Amino acid sequence: MKKIIRGKKYNFYIVSEGKEFFIKAKCLSSGRYSCINNLNSILSELKIAQNDFRYFDSKWITKRSSEFYRKASDFLSSEAYRDYLESKLDEDRFYGEWENR
């Protein structure tokens, strides 16, 4: 399953393929992108403890992949949440914590 949710500054790609799950954010102005499902704000929405080592990586292999996909689709569909998340992503980009172009 794949879904794109368009934001004001970022597009969000939610992916669940078999047991793999990730959320990729792509900055519309720079083209830079990063997998963001291990951000504290995302972990909180998915009800995952920030210190749970199983979810430290930017892409996860988990039996809960489709569950996370549904939850992420729900909270990223909220414009208010996207606005909040986009401000957090701006901070991450400022500190150079983005992976790719």
N, C-alpha and C. Protein backbone atom coordinates (compact mmCIF):
# COMPACT_ATOMS: atom_id res chain seq x y z
N MET A 1 0.85 -1.17 0.00
CA MET A 1 0.00 0.00 0.00
C MET A 1 0.89 1.24 0.00
N LYS A 2 0.51 2.20 -0.79
CA LYS A 2 1.24 3.47 -0.86
C LYS A 2 0.22 4.59 -0.95
N LYS A 3 0.54 5.68 -0.28
CA LYS A 3 -0.35 6.83 -0.29
C LYS A 3 0.50 8.10 -0.25
N ILE A 4 0.07 9.10 -1.01
CA ILE A 4 0.72 10.41 -0.97
C ILE A 4 -0.26 11.40 -0.35
N ILE A 5 0.21 12.14 0.65
CA ILE A 5 -0.58 13.21 1.24
C ILE A 5 0.20 14.50 1.00
N ARG A 6 -0.44 15.44 0.35
CA ARG A 6 0.23 16.68 -0.02
C ARG A 6 0.04 17.73 1.07
N GLY A 7 1.16 18.31 1.48
CA GLY A 7 1.14 19.37 2.46
C GLY A 7 1.46 20.70 1.81
N LYS A 8 1.67 21.73 2.62
CA LYS A 8 2.01 23.05 2.10
C LYS A 8 3.48 23.13 1.69
N LYS A 9 4.36 22.54 2.51
CA LYS A 9 5.80 22.59 2.26
C LYS A 9 6.40 21.22 1.92
N TYR A 10 5.68 20.17 2.26
CA TYR A 10 6.19 18.80 2.11
C TYR A 10 5.10 17.90 1.54
N ASN A 11 5.52 16.90 0.80
CA ASN A 11 4.63 15.79 0.46
C ASN A 11 5.03 14.60 1.33
N PHE A 12 4.04 13.85 1.77
CA PHE A 12 4.27 12.71 2.66
C PHE A 12 3.89 11.43 1.93
N TYR A 13 4.82 10.51 1.88
CA TYR A 13 4.62 9.22 1.22
C TYR A 13 4.55 8.16 2.32
N ILE A 14 3.40 7.54 2.46
CA ILE A 14 3.21 6.50 3.46
C ILE A 14 3.27 5.17 2.73
N VAL A 15 4.15 4.28 3.19
CA VAL A 15 4.39 3.02 2.49
C VAL A 15 4.32 1.84 3.45
N SER A 16 3.54 0.85 3.07
CA SER A 16 3.47 -0.42 3.78
C SER A 16 3.53 -1.51 2.73
N GLU A 17 4.64 -2.23 2.69
CA GLU A 17 4.82 -3.31 1.72
C GLU A 17 5.24 -4.55 2.49
N GLY A 18 4.33 -5.51 2.60
CA GLY A 18 4.62 -6.68 3.42
C GLY A 18 4.80 -6.24 4.86
N LYS A 19 5.97 -6.52 5.41
CA LYS A 19 6.25 -6.13 6.79
C LYS A 19 7.02 -4.81 6.88
N GLU A 20 7.34 -4.21 5.74
CA GLU A 20 8.09 -2.95 5.76
C GLU A 20 7.14 -1.77 5.86
N PHE A 21 7.52 -0.79 6.70
CA PHE A 21 6.73 0.43 6.86
C PHE A 21 7.67 1.61 6.96
N PHE A 22 7.28 2.70 6.27
CA PHE A 22 7.99 3.96 6.46
C PHE A 22 7.13 5.12 5.96
N ILE A 23 7.47 6.29 6.45
CA ILE A 23 6.88 7.55 5.99
C ILE A 23 8.04 8.39 5.47
N LYS A 24 7.94 8.81 4.23
CA LYS A 24 8.97 9.66 3.64
C LYS A 24 8.37 11.04 3.45
N ALA A 25 9.11 12.07 3.87
CA ALA A 25 8.70 13.45 3.64
C ALA A 25 9.64 14.03 2.59
N LYS A 26 9.06 14.73 1.62
CA LYS A 26 9.87 15.38 0.59
C LYS A 26 9.58 16.87 0.62
N CYS A 27 10.64 17.65 0.79
CA CYS A 27 10.52 19.11 0.80
C CYS A 27 10.24 19.59 -0.61
N LEU A 28 9.18 20.36 -0.77
CA LEU A 28 8.79 20.81 -2.10
C LEU A 28 9.75 21.84 -2.67
N SER A 29 10.38 22.66 -1.84
CA SER A 29 11.26 23.71 -2.36
C SER A 29 12.66 23.20 -2.68
N SER A 30 13.18 22.25 -1.91
CA SER A 30 14.57 21.82 -2.12
C SER A 30 14.67 20.45 -2.80
N GLY A 31 13.61 19.66 -2.76
CA GLY A 31 13.67 18.31 -3.30
C GLY A 31 14.30 17.31 -2.37
N ARG A 32 14.79 17.75 -1.21
CA ARG A 32 15.40 16.83 -0.24
C ARG A 32 14.29 16.00 0.41
N TYR A 33 14.66 14.78 0.79
CA TYR A 33 13.68 13.91 1.43
C TYR A 33 14.33 13.08 2.51
N SER A 34 13.49 12.58 3.40
CA SER A 34 13.97 11.75 4.49
C SER A 34 12.82 10.89 5.00
N CYS A 35 13.16 9.71 5.47
CA CYS A 35 12.15 8.88 6.15
C CYS A 35 12.01 9.42 7.56
N ILE A 36 10.77 9.64 7.98
CA ILE A 36 10.53 10.39 9.22
C ILE A 36 9.76 9.61 10.27
N ASN A 37 9.48 8.34 10.06
CA ASN A 37 8.65 7.62 11.02
C ASN A 37 9.32 7.47 12.39
N ASN A 38 10.63 7.73 12.50
CA ASN A 38 11.26 7.64 13.80
C ASN A 38 11.37 8.99 14.52
N LEU A 39 10.70 10.02 14.00
CA LEU A 39 10.62 11.31 14.71
C LEU A 39 9.74 11.16 15.94
N ASN A 40 10.08 11.88 16.98
CA ASN A 40 9.31 11.78 18.23
C ASN A 40 7.83 12.06 18.03
N SER A 41 7.50 13.05 17.20
CA SER A 41 6.09 13.40 16.99
C SER A 41 5.34 12.27 16.28
N ILE A 42 6.00 11.55 15.39
CA ILE A 42 5.37 10.41 14.70
C ILE A 42 5.26 9.23 15.67
N LEU A 43 6.34 8.95 16.40
CA LEU A 43 6.31 7.85 17.37
C LEU A 43 5.17 8.05 18.36
N SER A 44 4.98 9.27 18.80
CA SER A 44 3.91 9.57 19.75
C SER A 44 2.54 9.25 19.15
N GLU A 45 2.31 9.64 17.92
CA GLU A 45 1.03 9.37 17.27
C GLU A 45 0.79 7.87 17.08
N LEU A 46 1.88 7.13 16.88
CA LEU A 46 1.76 5.67 16.69
C LEU A 46 1.79 4.91 18.01
N LYS A 47 1.87 5.66 19.13
CA LYS A 47 1.88 5.06 20.48
C LYS A 47 3.08 4.14 20.68
N ILE A 48 4.25 4.63 20.27
CA ILE A 48 5.50 3.89 20.43
C ILE A 48 6.41 4.68 21.35
N ALA A 49 7.00 4.02 22.32
CA ALA A 49 7.92 4.68 23.25
C ALA A 49 9.15 5.16 22.48
N GLN A 50 9.61 6.36 22.82
CA GLN A 50 10.75 6.95 22.11
C GLN A 50 12.03 6.15 22.28
N ASN A 51 12.11 5.36 23.34
CA ASN A 51 13.33 4.58 23.58
C ASN A 51 13.18 3.11 23.16
N ASP A 52 12.16 2.78 22.39
CA ASP A 52 11.96 1.41 21.93
C ASP A 52 12.91 1.14 20.76
N PHE A 53 13.95 0.37 21.01
CA PHE A 53 15.01 0.14 20.03
C PHE A 53 14.52 -0.48 18.72
N ARG A 54 13.37 -1.14 18.74
CA ARG A 54 12.85 -1.76 17.52
C ARG A 54 12.46 -0.73 16.46
N TYR A 55 12.30 0.52 16.88
CA TYR A 55 11.82 1.56 15.97
C TYR A 55 12.81 2.71 15.81
N PHE A 56 14.10 2.45 16.04
CA PHE A 56 15.12 3.49 15.88
C PHE A 56 15.44 3.78 14.41
N ASP A 57 15.35 2.78 13.55
CA ASP A 57 15.71 2.95 12.15
C ASP A 57 14.66 3.77 11.42
N SER A 58 15.03 4.27 10.24
CA SER A 58 14.10 5.10 9.47
C SER A 58 13.12 4.27 8.64
N LYS A 59 13.38 3.00 8.48
CA LYS A 59 12.43 2.07 7.85
C LYS A 59 12.29 0.89 8.80
N TRP A 60 11.06 0.44 8.98
CA TRP A 60 10.80 -0.61 9.96
C TRP A 60 10.34 -1.89 9.29
N ILE A 61 10.77 -3.01 9.83
CA ILE A 61 10.24 -4.32 9.47
C ILE A 61 9.43 -4.77 10.69
N THR A 62 8.12 -4.87 10.51
CA THR A 62 7.24 -5.15 11.63
C THR A 62 5.95 -5.80 11.16
N LYS A 63 5.40 -6.64 11.99
CA LYS A 63 4.10 -7.25 11.71
C LYS A 63 2.99 -6.20 11.75
N ARG A 64 3.27 -5.06 12.34
CA ARG A 64 2.27 -4.00 12.50
C ARG A 64 2.27 -3.01 11.34
N SER A 65 2.91 -3.34 10.25
CA SER A 65 3.06 -2.44 9.11
C SER A 65 1.72 -1.88 8.63
N SER A 66 0.73 -2.73 8.41
CA SER A 66 -0.55 -2.24 7.89
C SER A 66 -1.30 -1.41 8.94
N GLU A 67 -1.15 -1.74 10.20
CA GLU A 67 -1.76 -0.94 11.28
C GLU A 67 -1.14 0.46 11.30
N PHE A 68 0.19 0.53 11.22
CA PHE A 68 0.87 1.82 11.20
C PHE A 68 0.47 2.63 9.97
N TYR A 69 0.31 1.96 8.84
CA TYR A 69 -0.11 2.63 7.61
C TYR A 69 -1.47 3.32 7.82
N ARG A 70 -2.42 2.60 8.39
CA ARG A 70 -3.76 3.18 8.61
C ARG A 70 -3.69 4.36 9.58
N LYS A 71 -2.96 4.19 10.68
CA LYS A 71 -2.85 5.28 11.65
C LYS A 71 -2.17 6.50 11.05
N ALA A 72 -1.08 6.28 10.32
CA ALA A 72 -0.36 7.40 9.71
C ALA A 72 -1.24 8.11 8.68
N SER A 73 -2.00 7.35 7.92
CA SER A 73 -2.92 7.96 6.95
C SER A 73 -3.92 8.85 7.65
N ASP A 74 -4.40 8.41 8.80
CA ASP A 74 -5.37 9.20 9.56
C ASP A 74 -4.76 10.50 10.08
N PHE A 75 -3.63 10.40 10.82
CA PHE A 75 -3.14 11.64 11.43
C PHE A 75 -2.50 12.58 10.41
N LEU A 76 -1.93 12.06 9.34
CA LEU A 76 -1.37 12.96 8.31
C LEU A 76 -2.46 13.59 7.45
N SER A 77 -3.67 13.08 7.52
CA SER A 77 -4.79 13.70 6.81
C SER A 77 -5.31 14.95 7.51
N SER A 78 -4.90 15.15 8.75
CA SER A 78 -5.31 16.32 9.51
C SER A 78 -4.42 17.51 9.13
N GLU A 79 -5.03 18.57 8.62
CA GLU A 79 -4.26 19.75 8.23
C GLU A 79 -3.54 20.36 9.43
N ALA A 80 -4.19 20.38 10.58
CA ALA A 80 -3.57 20.94 11.78
C ALA A 80 -2.32 20.14 12.16
N TYR A 81 -2.41 18.82 12.11
CA TYR A 81 -1.25 18.00 12.44
C TYR A 81 -0.14 18.20 11.40
N ARG A 82 -0.49 18.25 10.11
CA ARG A 82 0.52 18.48 9.06
C ARG A 82 1.23 19.80 9.27
N ASP A 83 0.50 20.86 9.63
CA ASP A 83 1.13 22.15 9.90
C ASP A 83 2.15 22.04 11.03
N TYR A 84 1.76 21.37 12.11
CA TYR A 84 2.67 21.14 13.24
C TYR A 84 3.89 20.34 12.78
N LEU A 85 3.66 19.24 12.07
CA LEU A 85 4.76 18.38 11.63
C LEU A 85 5.68 19.12 10.67
N GLU A 86 5.13 19.90 9.78
CA GLU A 86 5.96 20.65 8.84
C GLU A 86 6.89 21.62 9.57
N SER A 87 6.43 22.21 10.66
CA SER A 87 7.32 23.09 11.43
C SER A 87 8.44 22.29 12.07
N LYS A 88 8.15 21.08 12.54
CA LYS A 88 9.18 20.20 13.11
C LYS A 88 10.17 19.76 12.03
N LEU A 89 9.68 19.50 10.84
CA LEU A 89 10.57 19.10 9.75
C LEU A 89 11.47 20.24 9.32
N ASP A 90 10.95 21.47 9.36
CA ASP A 90 11.79 22.64 9.07
C ASP A 90 12.97 22.70 10.05
N GLU A 91 12.69 22.42 11.33
CA GLU A 91 13.75 22.40 12.34
C GLU A 91 14.78 21.32 12.02
N ASP A 92 14.33 20.13 11.70
CA ASP A 92 15.25 19.04 11.36
C ASP A 92 16.12 19.40 10.17
N ARG A 93 15.53 19.98 9.15
CA ARG A 93 16.30 20.37 7.97
C ARG A 93 17.33 21.44 8.32
N PHE A 94 16.95 22.37 9.20
CA PHE A 94 17.87 23.42 9.62
C PHE A 94 19.12 22.81 10.26
N TYR A 95 18.93 21.75 11.04
CA TYR A 95 20.06 21.09 11.71
C TYR A 95 20.73 20.02 10.85
N GLY A 96 20.34 19.93 9.58
CA GLY A 96 21.00 19.04 8.64
C GLY A 96 20.70 17.57 8.82
N GLU A 97 19.55 17.24 9.35
CA GLU A 97 19.23 15.85 9.64
C GLU A 97 18.43 15.20 8.52
N TRP A 98 18.65 15.59 7.29
CA TRP A 98 17.93 15.01 6.16
C TRP A 98 18.86 14.16 5.34
N GLU A 99 18.34 13.07 4.81
CA GLU A 99 19.16 12.04 4.21
C GLU A 99 19.56 12.31 2.77
N ASN A 100 18.64 12.64 1.92
CA ASN A 100 18.88 12.53 0.48
C ASN A 100 18.37 13.72 -0.32
N ARG A 101 18.83 13.77 -1.54
CA ARG A 101 18.34 14.71 -2.55
C ARG A 101 17.70 13.96 -3.66
